[in-house]
Amino acid sequence: MTVGSDDGEKSFLNGRRVTAFYTPSRRLSADSESGVVTLRPGKNFLLVKIVQGLGGVGHAVRFLDPETKQPVTDLDVTLR
């Protein structure tokens, strides 16, 4: 799983922290941080906590195939 955020974030997948960083005045850069995750069959729960400083806000997340490093595209996503 890769993430990018402006200015900081913590990501949790199924209750386990995957990434955490904070850099003031940082611009969004997709794939700037990563963590190893295993998606389980059925539903997985992703919680993202964003820290916002000055300026704009943005966040990106992608799940990558561990062998090919290509984005996983056959996911269903529900936002709450």
PDB file of N, CA and C in Angstrom:
ATOM      1  N   MET A   1       0.849  -1.158   0.000  1.00  0.00           N
ATOM      2  CA  MET A   1       0.000   0.000   0.000  1.00  0.00           C
ATOM      3  C   MET A   1       0.899   1.226   0.000  1.00  0.00           C
ATOM      4  N   THR A   2       0.610   2.169  -0.871  1.00  0.00           N
ATOM      5  CA  THR A   2       1.352   3.418  -0.891  1.00  0.00           C
ATOM      6  C   THR A   2       0.403   4.571  -0.609  1.00  0.00           C
ATOM      7  N   VAL A   3       0.938   5.606   0.027  1.00  0.00           N
ATOM      8  CA  VAL A   3       0.130   6.783   0.340  1.00  0.00           C
ATOM      9  C   VAL A   3       0.944   8.042   0.072  1.00  0.00           C
ATOM     10  N   GLY A   4       0.229   9.120  -0.079  1.00  0.00           N
ATOM     11  CA  GLY A   4       0.826  10.444  -0.155  1.00  0.00           C
ATOM     12  C   GLY A   4      -0.130  11.402   0.512  1.00  0.00           C
ATOM     13  N   SER A   5       0.397  12.415   1.171  1.00  0.00           N
ATOM     14  CA  SER A   5      -0.476  13.343   1.876  1.00  0.00           C
ATOM     15  C   SER A   5       0.180  14.701   2.024  1.00  0.00           C
ATOM     16  N   ASP A   6      -0.659  15.711   2.140  1.00  0.00           N
ATOM     17  CA  ASP A   6      -0.255  17.081   2.429  1.00  0.00           C
ATOM     18  C   ASP A   6      -1.005  17.450   3.718  1.00  0.00           C
ATOM     19  N   ASP A   7      -0.430  17.508   4.800  1.00  0.00           N
ATOM     20  CA  ASP A   7       0.919  17.623   5.321  1.00  0.00           C
ATOM     21  C   ASP A   7       1.334  16.357   6.087  1.00  0.00           C
ATOM     22  N   GLY A   8       0.381  15.642   6.615  1.00  0.00           N
ATOM     23  CA  GLY A   8       0.703  14.439   7.360  1.00  0.00           C
ATOM     24  C   GLY A   8      -0.490  13.510   7.432  1.00  0.00           C
ATOM     25  N   GLU A   9      -0.240  12.266   7.852  1.00  0.00           N
ATOM     26  CA  GLU A   9      -1.329  11.297   7.944  1.00  0.00           C
ATOM     27  C   GLU A   9      -0.906  10.084   8.747  1.00  0.00           C
ATOM     28  N   LYS A  10      -1.904   9.326   9.167  1.00  0.00           N
ATOM     29  CA  LYS A  10      -1.734   7.978   9.712  1.00  0.00           C
ATOM     30  C   LYS A  10      -2.764   7.114   9.010  1.00  0.00           C
ATOM     31  N   SER A  11      -2.328   5.956   8.523  1.00  0.00           N
ATOM     32  CA  SER A  11      -3.238   5.020   7.860  1.00  0.00           C
ATOM     33  C   SER A  11      -3.264   3.712   8.633  1.00  0.00           C
ATOM     34  N   PHE A  12      -4.466   3.183   8.798  1.00  0.00           N
ATOM     35  CA  PHE A  12      -4.671   1.916   9.499  1.00  0.00           C
ATOM     36  C   PHE A  12      -5.481   0.999   8.595  1.00  0.00           C
ATOM     37  N   LEU A  13      -5.025  -0.231   8.416  1.00  0.00           N
ATOM     38  CA  LEU A  13      -5.778  -1.226   7.651  1.00  0.00           C
ATOM     39  C   LEU A  13      -6.176  -2.341   8.602  1.00  0.00           C
ATOM     40  N   ASN A  14      -7.481  -2.545   8.731  1.00  0.00           N
ATOM     41  CA  ASN A  14      -8.016  -3.565   9.639  1.00  0.00           C
ATOM     42  C   ASN A  14      -7.460  -3.419  11.056  1.00  0.00           C
ATOM     43  N   GLY A  15      -7.318  -2.163  11.500  1.00  0.00           N
ATOM     44  CA  GLY A  15      -6.877  -1.881  12.856  1.00  0.00           C
ATOM     45  C   GLY A  15      -5.379  -1.845  13.071  1.00  0.00           C
ATOM     46  N   ARG A  16      -4.591  -2.149  12.048  1.00  0.00           N
ATOM     47  CA  ARG A  16      -3.125  -2.154  12.175  1.00  0.00           C
ATOM     48  C   ARG A  16      -2.551  -0.927  11.484  1.00  0.00           C
ATOM     49  N   ARG A  17      -1.711  -0.169  12.207  1.00  0.00           N
ATOM     50  CA  ARG A  17      -1.107   1.014  11.593  1.00  0.00           C
ATOM     51  C   ARG A  17      -0.158   0.602  10.483  1.00  0.00           C
ATOM     52  N   VAL A  18      -0.315   1.243   9.336  1.00  0.00           N
ATOM     53  CA  VAL A  18       0.513   0.943   8.170  1.00  0.00           C
ATOM     54  C   VAL A  18       1.515   2.067   7.918  1.00  0.00           C
ATOM     55  N   THR A  19       1.059   3.311   7.955  1.00  0.00           N
ATOM     56  CA  THR A  19       1.941   4.452   7.723  1.00  0.00           C
ATOM     57  C   THR A  19       1.631   5.550   8.727  1.00  0.00           C
ATOM     58  N   ALA A  20       2.625   6.395   8.968  1.00  0.00           N
ATOM     59  CA  ALA A  20       2.440   7.577   9.815  1.00  0.00           C
ATOM     60  C   ALA A  20       3.581   8.537   9.516  1.00  0.00           C
ATOM     61  N   PHE A  21       3.242   9.771   9.183  1.00  0.00           N
ATOM     62  CA  PHE A  21       4.269  10.780   8.957  1.00  0.00           C
ATOM     63  C   PHE A  21       3.667  12.166   9.079  1.00  0.00           C
ATOM     64  N   TYR A  22       4.524  13.138   9.350  1.00  0.00           N
ATOM     65  CA  TYR A  22       4.105  14.540   9.373  1.00  0.00           C
ATOM     66  C   TYR A  22       5.282  15.388   8.934  1.00  0.00           C
ATOM     67  N   THR A  23       5.086  16.155   7.892  1.00  0.00           N
ATOM     68  CA  THR A  23       6.084  17.090   7.398  1.00  0.00           C
ATOM     69  C   THR A  23       5.377  18.406   7.118  1.00  0.00           C
ATOM     70  N   PRO A  24       5.583  19.433   7.940  1.00  0.00           N
ATOM     71  CA  PRO A  24       4.907  20.711   7.706  1.00  0.00           C
ATOM     72  C   PRO A  24       5.222  21.262   6.313  1.00  0.00           C
ATOM     73  N   SER A  25       4.240  21.870   5.696  1.00  0.00           N
ATOM     74  CA  SER A  25       4.377  22.508   4.376  1.00  0.00           C
ATOM     75  C   SER A  25       4.738  21.523   3.275  1.00  0.00           C
ATOM     76  N   ARG A  26       4.463  20.261   3.470  1.00  0.00           N
ATOM     77  CA  ARG A  26       4.736  19.242   2.457  1.00  0.00           C
ATOM     78  C   ARG A  26       3.637  19.271   1.405  1.00  0.00           C
ATOM     79  N   ARG A  27       4.006  19.097   0.150  1.00  0.00           N
ATOM     80  CA  ARG A  27       3.032  19.003  -0.934  1.00  0.00           C
ATOM     81  C   ARG A  27       2.652  17.542  -1.138  1.00  0.00           C
ATOM     82  N   LEU A  28       1.461  17.352  -1.694  1.00  0.00           N
ATOM     83  CA  LEU A  28       1.004  15.994  -1.987  1.00  0.00           C
ATOM     84  C   LEU A  28       1.903  15.363  -3.035  1.00  0.00           C
ATOM     85  N   SER A  29       2.413  14.203  -2.736  1.00  0.00           N
ATOM     86  CA  SER A  29       3.204  13.412  -3.667  1.00  0.00           C
ATOM     87  C   SER A  29       2.740  11.969  -3.522  1.00  0.00           C
ATOM     88  N   ALA A  30       2.002  11.488  -4.524  1.00  0.00           N
ATOM     89  CA  ALA A  30       1.476  10.119  -4.466  1.00  0.00           C
ATOM     90  C   ALA A  30       2.622   9.130  -4.304  1.00  0.00           C
ATOM     91  N   ASP A  31       2.383   8.072  -3.559  1.00  0.00           N
ATOM     92  CA  ASP A  31       3.347   6.988  -3.367  1.00  0.00           C
ATOM     93  C   ASP A  31       4.597   7.410  -2.592  1.00  0.00           C
ATOM     94  N   SER A  32       4.515   8.483  -1.798  1.00  0.00           N
ATOM     95  CA  SER A  32       5.707   8.939  -1.080  1.00  0.00           C
ATOM     96  C   SER A  32       6.027   8.081   0.143  1.00  0.00           C
ATOM     97  N   GLU A  33       5.042   7.375   0.670  1.00  0.00           N
ATOM     98  CA  GLU A  33       5.246   6.480   1.810  1.00  0.00           C
ATOM     99  C   GLU A  33       4.603   5.140   1.474  1.00  0.00           C
ATOM    100  N   SER A  34       5.103   4.073   2.084  1.00  0.00           N
ATOM    101  CA  SER A  34       4.511   2.762   1.795  1.00  0.00           C
ATOM    102  C   SER A  34       4.584   1.859   3.017  1.00  0.00           C
ATOM    103  N   GLY A  35       3.752   0.846   2.989  1.00  0.00           N
ATOM    104  CA  GLY A  35       3.734  -0.169   4.027  1.00  0.00           C
ATOM    105  C   GLY A  35       3.259  -1.476   3.422  1.00  0.00           C
ATOM    106  N   VAL A  36       3.716  -2.581   3.961  1.00  0.00           N
ATOM    107  CA  VAL A  36       3.326  -3.900   3.459  1.00  0.00           C
ATOM    108  C   VAL A  36       2.021  -4.309   4.129  1.00  0.00           C
ATOM    109  N   VAL A  37       1.029  -4.666   3.320  1.00  0.00           N
ATOM    110  CA  VAL A  37      -0.267  -5.100   3.832  1.00  0.00           C
ATOM    111  C   VAL A  37      -0.713  -6.346   3.085  1.00  0.00           C
ATOM    112  N   THR A  38      -1.615  -7.083   3.700  1.00  0.00           N
ATOM    113  CA  THR A  38      -2.277  -8.208   3.050  1.00  0.00           C
ATOM    114  C   THR A  38      -3.769  -7.970   3.141  1.00  0.00           C
ATOM    115  N   LEU A  39      -4.419  -7.881   1.990  1.00  0.00           N
ATOM    116  CA  LEU A  39      -5.868  -7.728   1.973  1.00  0.00           C
ATOM    117  C   LEU A  39      -6.491  -9.087   2.215  1.00  0.00           C
ATOM    118  N   ARG A  40      -7.416  -9.153   3.154  1.00  0.00           N
ATOM    119  CA  ARG A  40      -8.083 -10.418   3.449  1.00  0.00           C
ATOM    120  C   ARG A  40      -9.311 -10.555   2.542  1.00  0.00           C
ATOM    121  N   PRO A  41      -9.796 -11.768   2.343  1.00  0.00           N
ATOM    122  CA  PRO A  41     -11.014 -11.954   1.542  1.00  0.00           C
ATOM    123  C   PRO A  41     -12.184 -11.204   2.174  1.00  0.00           C
ATOM    124  N   GLY A  42     -13.055 -10.661   1.360  1.00  0.00           N
ATOM    125  CA  GLY A  42     -14.202  -9.919   1.884  1.00  0.00           C
ATOM    126  C   GLY A  42     -13.844  -8.476   2.144  1.00  0.00           C
ATOM    127  N   LYS A  43     -14.428  -7.925   3.202  1.00  0.00           N
ATOM    128  CA  LYS A  43     -14.235  -6.508   3.507  1.00  0.00           C
ATOM    129  C   LYS A  43     -12.953  -6.265   4.290  1.00  0.00           C
ATOM    130  N   ASN A  44     -12.280  -5.183   3.930  1.00  0.00           N
ATOM    131  CA  ASN A  44     -11.130  -4.665   4.664  1.00  0.00           C
ATOM    132  C   ASN A  44     -11.461  -3.224   5.025  1.00  0.00           C
ATOM    133  N   PHE A  45     -11.006  -2.775   6.170  1.00  0.00           N
ATOM    134  CA  PHE A  45     -11.344  -1.430   6.631  1.00  0.00           C
ATOM    135  C   PHE A  45     -10.094  -0.562   6.683  1.00  0.00           C
ATOM    136  N   LEU A  46     -10.108   0.511   5.904  1.00  0.00           N
ATOM    137  CA  LEU A  46      -9.007   1.465   5.858  1.00  0.00           C
ATOM    138  C   LEU A  46      -9.447   2.744   6.562  1.00  0.00           C
ATOM    139  N   LEU A  47      -8.704   3.143   7.583  1.00  0.00           N
ATOM    140  CA  LEU A  47      -8.945   4.389   8.299  1.00  0.00           C
ATOM    141  C   LEU A  47      -7.762   5.303   8.036  1.00  0.00           C
ATOM    142  N   VAL A  48      -8.042   6.529   7.593  1.00  0.00           N
ATOM    143  CA  VAL A  48      -6.997   7.509   7.327  1.00  0.00           C
ATOM    144  C   VAL A  48      -7.251   8.731   8.195  1.00  0.00           C
ATOM    145  N   LYS A  49      -6.243   9.122   8.957  1.00  0.00           N
ATOM    146  CA  LYS A  49      -6.311  10.340   9.766  1.00  0.00           C
ATOM    147  C   LYS A  49      -5.343  11.348   9.155  1.00  0.00           C
ATOM    148  N   ILE A  50      -5.874  12.500   8.765  1.00  0.00           N
ATOM    149  CA  ILE A  50      -5.073  13.505   8.072  1.00  0.00           C
ATOM    150  C   ILE A  50      -4.754  14.659   9.015  1.00  0.00           C
ATOM    151  N   VAL A  51      -3.506  15.128   8.959  1.00  0.00           N
ATOM    152  CA  VAL A  51      -3.073  16.318   9.683  1.00  0.00           C
ATOM    153  C   VAL A  51      -2.887  17.417   8.650  1.00  0.00           C
ATOM    154  N   GLN A  52      -3.588  18.526   8.822  1.00  0.00           N
ATOM    155  CA  GLN A  52      -3.525  19.618   7.858  1.00  0.00           C
ATOM    156  C   GLN A  52      -2.863  20.834   8.476  1.00  0.00           C
ATOM    157  N   GLY A  53      -1.821  21.331   7.818  1.00  0.00           N
ATOM    158  CA  GLY A  53      -1.173  22.577   8.220  1.00  0.00           C
ATOM    159  C   GLY A  53      -1.706  23.701   7.353  1.00  0.00           C
ATOM    160  N   LEU A  54      -0.825  24.500   6.828  1.00  0.00           N
ATOM    161  CA  LEU A  54      -1.206  25.609   5.960  1.00  0.00           C
ATOM    162  C   LEU A  54      -1.394  25.141   4.522  1.00  0.00           C
ATOM    163  N   GLY A  55      -2.119  25.915   3.733  1.00  0.00           N
ATOM    164  CA  GLY A  55      -2.260  25.633   2.307  1.00  0.00           C
ATOM    165  C   GLY A  55      -3.304  24.581   2.022  1.00  0.00           C
ATOM    166  N   GLY A  56      -3.156  23.961   0.856  1.00  0.00           N
ATOM    167  CA  GLY A  56      -4.126  22.979   0.381  1.00  0.00           C
ATOM    168  C   GLY A  56      -4.062  21.671   1.144  1.00  0.00           C
ATOM    169  N   VAL A  57      -5.025  20.821   0.841  1.00  0.00           N
ATOM    170  CA  VAL A  57      -5.086  19.505   1.471  1.00  0.00           C
ATOM    171  C   VAL A  57      -5.245  18.455   0.376  1.00  0.00           C
ATOM    172  N   GLY A  58      -4.621  17.310   0.562  1.00  0.00           N
ATOM    173  CA  GLY A  58      -4.757  16.221  -0.397  1.00  0.00           C
ATOM    174  C   GLY A  58      -4.278  14.918   0.210  1.00  0.00           C
ATOM    175  N   HIS A  59      -4.787  13.818  -0.337  1.00  0.00           N
ATOM    176  CA  HIS A  59      -4.374  12.491   0.124  1.00  0.00           C
ATOM    177  C   HIS A  59      -4.566  11.507  -1.015  1.00  0.00           C
ATOM    178  N   ALA A  60      -3.662  10.557  -1.133  1.00  0.00           N
ATOM    179  CA  ALA A  60      -3.756   9.519  -2.162  1.00  0.00           C
ATOM    180  C   ALA A  60      -3.380   8.182  -1.538  1.00  0.00           C
ATOM    181  N   VAL A  61      -4.044   7.123  -1.977  1.00  0.00           N
ATOM    182  CA  VAL A  61      -3.715   5.775  -1.504  1.00  0.00           C
ATOM    183  C   VAL A  61      -3.854   4.808  -2.671  1.00  0.00           C
ATOM    184  N   ARG A  62      -2.925   3.866  -2.762  1.00  0.00           N
ATOM    185  CA  ARG A  62      -2.990   2.817  -3.788  1.00  0.00           C
ATOM    186  C   ARG A  62      -2.552   1.498  -3.174  1.00  0.00           C
ATOM    187  N   PHE A  63      -3.166   0.435  -3.647  1.00  0.00           N
ATOM    188  CA  PHE A  63      -2.743  -0.911  -3.286  1.00  0.00           C
ATOM    189  C   PHE A  63      -2.005  -1.477  -4.486  1.00  0.00           C
ATOM    190  N   LEU A  64      -0.792  -1.990  -4.254  1.00  0.00           N
ATOM    191  CA  LEU A  64       0.034  -2.512  -5.334  1.00  0.00           C
ATOM    192  C   LEU A  64       0.181  -4.021  -5.216  1.00  0.00           C
ATOM    193  N   ASP A  65       0.205  -4.690  -6.363  1.00  0.00           N
ATOM    194  CA  ASP A  65       0.477  -6.126  -6.402  1.00  0.00           C
ATOM    195  C   ASP A  65       1.923  -6.337  -5.948  1.00  0.00           C
ATOM    196  N   PRO A  66       2.171  -7.231  -4.982  1.00  0.00           N
ATOM    197  CA  PRO A  66       3.530  -7.394  -4.457  1.00  0.00           C
ATOM    198  C   PRO A  66       4.535  -7.928  -5.479  1.00  0.00           C
ATOM    199  N   GLU A  67       4.064  -8.644  -6.486  1.00  0.00           N
ATOM    200  CA  GLU A  67       4.981  -9.203  -7.480  1.00  0.00           C
ATOM    201  C   GLU A  67       5.255  -8.237  -8.623  1.00  0.00           C
ATOM    202  N   THR A  68       4.198  -7.636  -9.163  1.00  0.00           N
ATOM    203  CA  THR A  68       4.361  -6.775 -10.338  1.00  0.00           C
ATOM    204  C   THR A  68       4.566  -5.307  -9.983  1.00  0.00           C
ATOM    205  N   LYS A  69       4.233  -4.930  -8.749  1.00  0.00           N
ATOM    206  CA  LYS A  69       4.281  -3.535  -8.292  1.00  0.00           C
ATOM    207  C   LYS A  69       3.310  -2.634  -9.059  1.00  0.00           C
ATOM    208  N   GLN A  70       2.356  -3.243  -9.745  1.00  0.00           N
ATOM    209  CA  GLN A  70       1.325  -2.496 -10.468  1.00  0.00           C
ATOM    210  C   GLN A  70       0.106  -2.310  -9.564  1.00  0.00           C
ATOM    211  N   PRO A  71      -0.656  -1.226  -9.777  1.00  0.00           N
ATOM    212  CA  PRO A  71      -1.849  -1.001  -8.952  1.00  0.00           C
ATOM    213  C   PRO A  71      -2.870  -2.126  -9.084  1.00  0.00           C
ATOM    214  N   VAL A  72      -3.470  -2.501  -7.960  1.00  0.00           N
ATOM    215  CA  VAL A  72      -4.577  -3.457  -7.954  1.00  0.00           C
ATOM    216  C   VAL A  72      -5.812  -2.683  -8.396  1.00  0.00           C
ATOM    217  N   THR A  73      -6.493  -3.181  -9.427  1.00  0.00           N
ATOM    218  CA  THR A  73      -7.609  -2.421 -10.002  1.00  0.00           C
ATOM    219  C   THR A  73      -8.969  -3.058  -9.772  1.00  0.00           C
ATOM    220  N   ASP A  74      -9.014  -4.278  -9.284  1.00  0.00           N
ATOM    221  CA  ASP A  74     -10.302  -4.963  -9.124  1.00  0.00           C
ATOM    222  C   ASP A  74     -10.796  -4.904  -7.675  1.00  0.00           C
ATOM    223  N   LEU A  75     -10.824  -3.689  -7.112  1.00  0.00           N
ATOM    224  CA  LEU A  75     -11.304  -3.482  -5.750  1.00  0.00           C
ATOM    225  C   LEU A  75     -12.614  -2.712  -5.782  1.00  0.00           C
ATOM    226  N   ASP A  76     -13.522  -3.066  -4.896  1.00  0.00           N
ATOM    227  CA  ASP A  76     -14.735  -2.279  -4.685  1.00  0.00           C
ATOM    228  C   ASP A  76     -14.493  -1.405  -3.465  1.00  0.00           C
ATOM    229  N   VAL A  77     -14.793  -0.121  -3.581  1.00  0.00           N
ATOM    230  CA  VAL A  77     -14.539   0.833  -2.502  1.00  0.00           C
ATOM    231  C   VAL A  77     -15.850   1.455  -2.051  1.00  0.00           C
ATOM    232  N   THR A  78     -16.047   1.501  -0.742  1.00  0.00           N
ATOM    233  CA  THR A  78     -17.202   2.164  -0.142  1.00  0.00           C
ATOM    234  C   THR A  78     -16.682   3.199   0.842  1.00  0.00           C
ATOM    235  N   LEU A  79     -17.160   4.429   0.736  1.00  0.00           N
ATOM    236  CA  LEU A  79     -16.757   5.500   1.654  1.00  0.00           C
ATOM    237  C   LEU A  79     -17.822   5.710   2.708  1.00  0.00           C
ATOM    238  N   ARG A  80     -17.377   5.923   3.946  1.00  0.00           N
ATOM    239  CA  ARG A  80     -18.315   6.234   5.038  1.00  0.00           C
ATOM    240  C   ARG A  80     -17.859   7.461   5.757  1.00  0.00           C
TER     241      ARG A  80
END
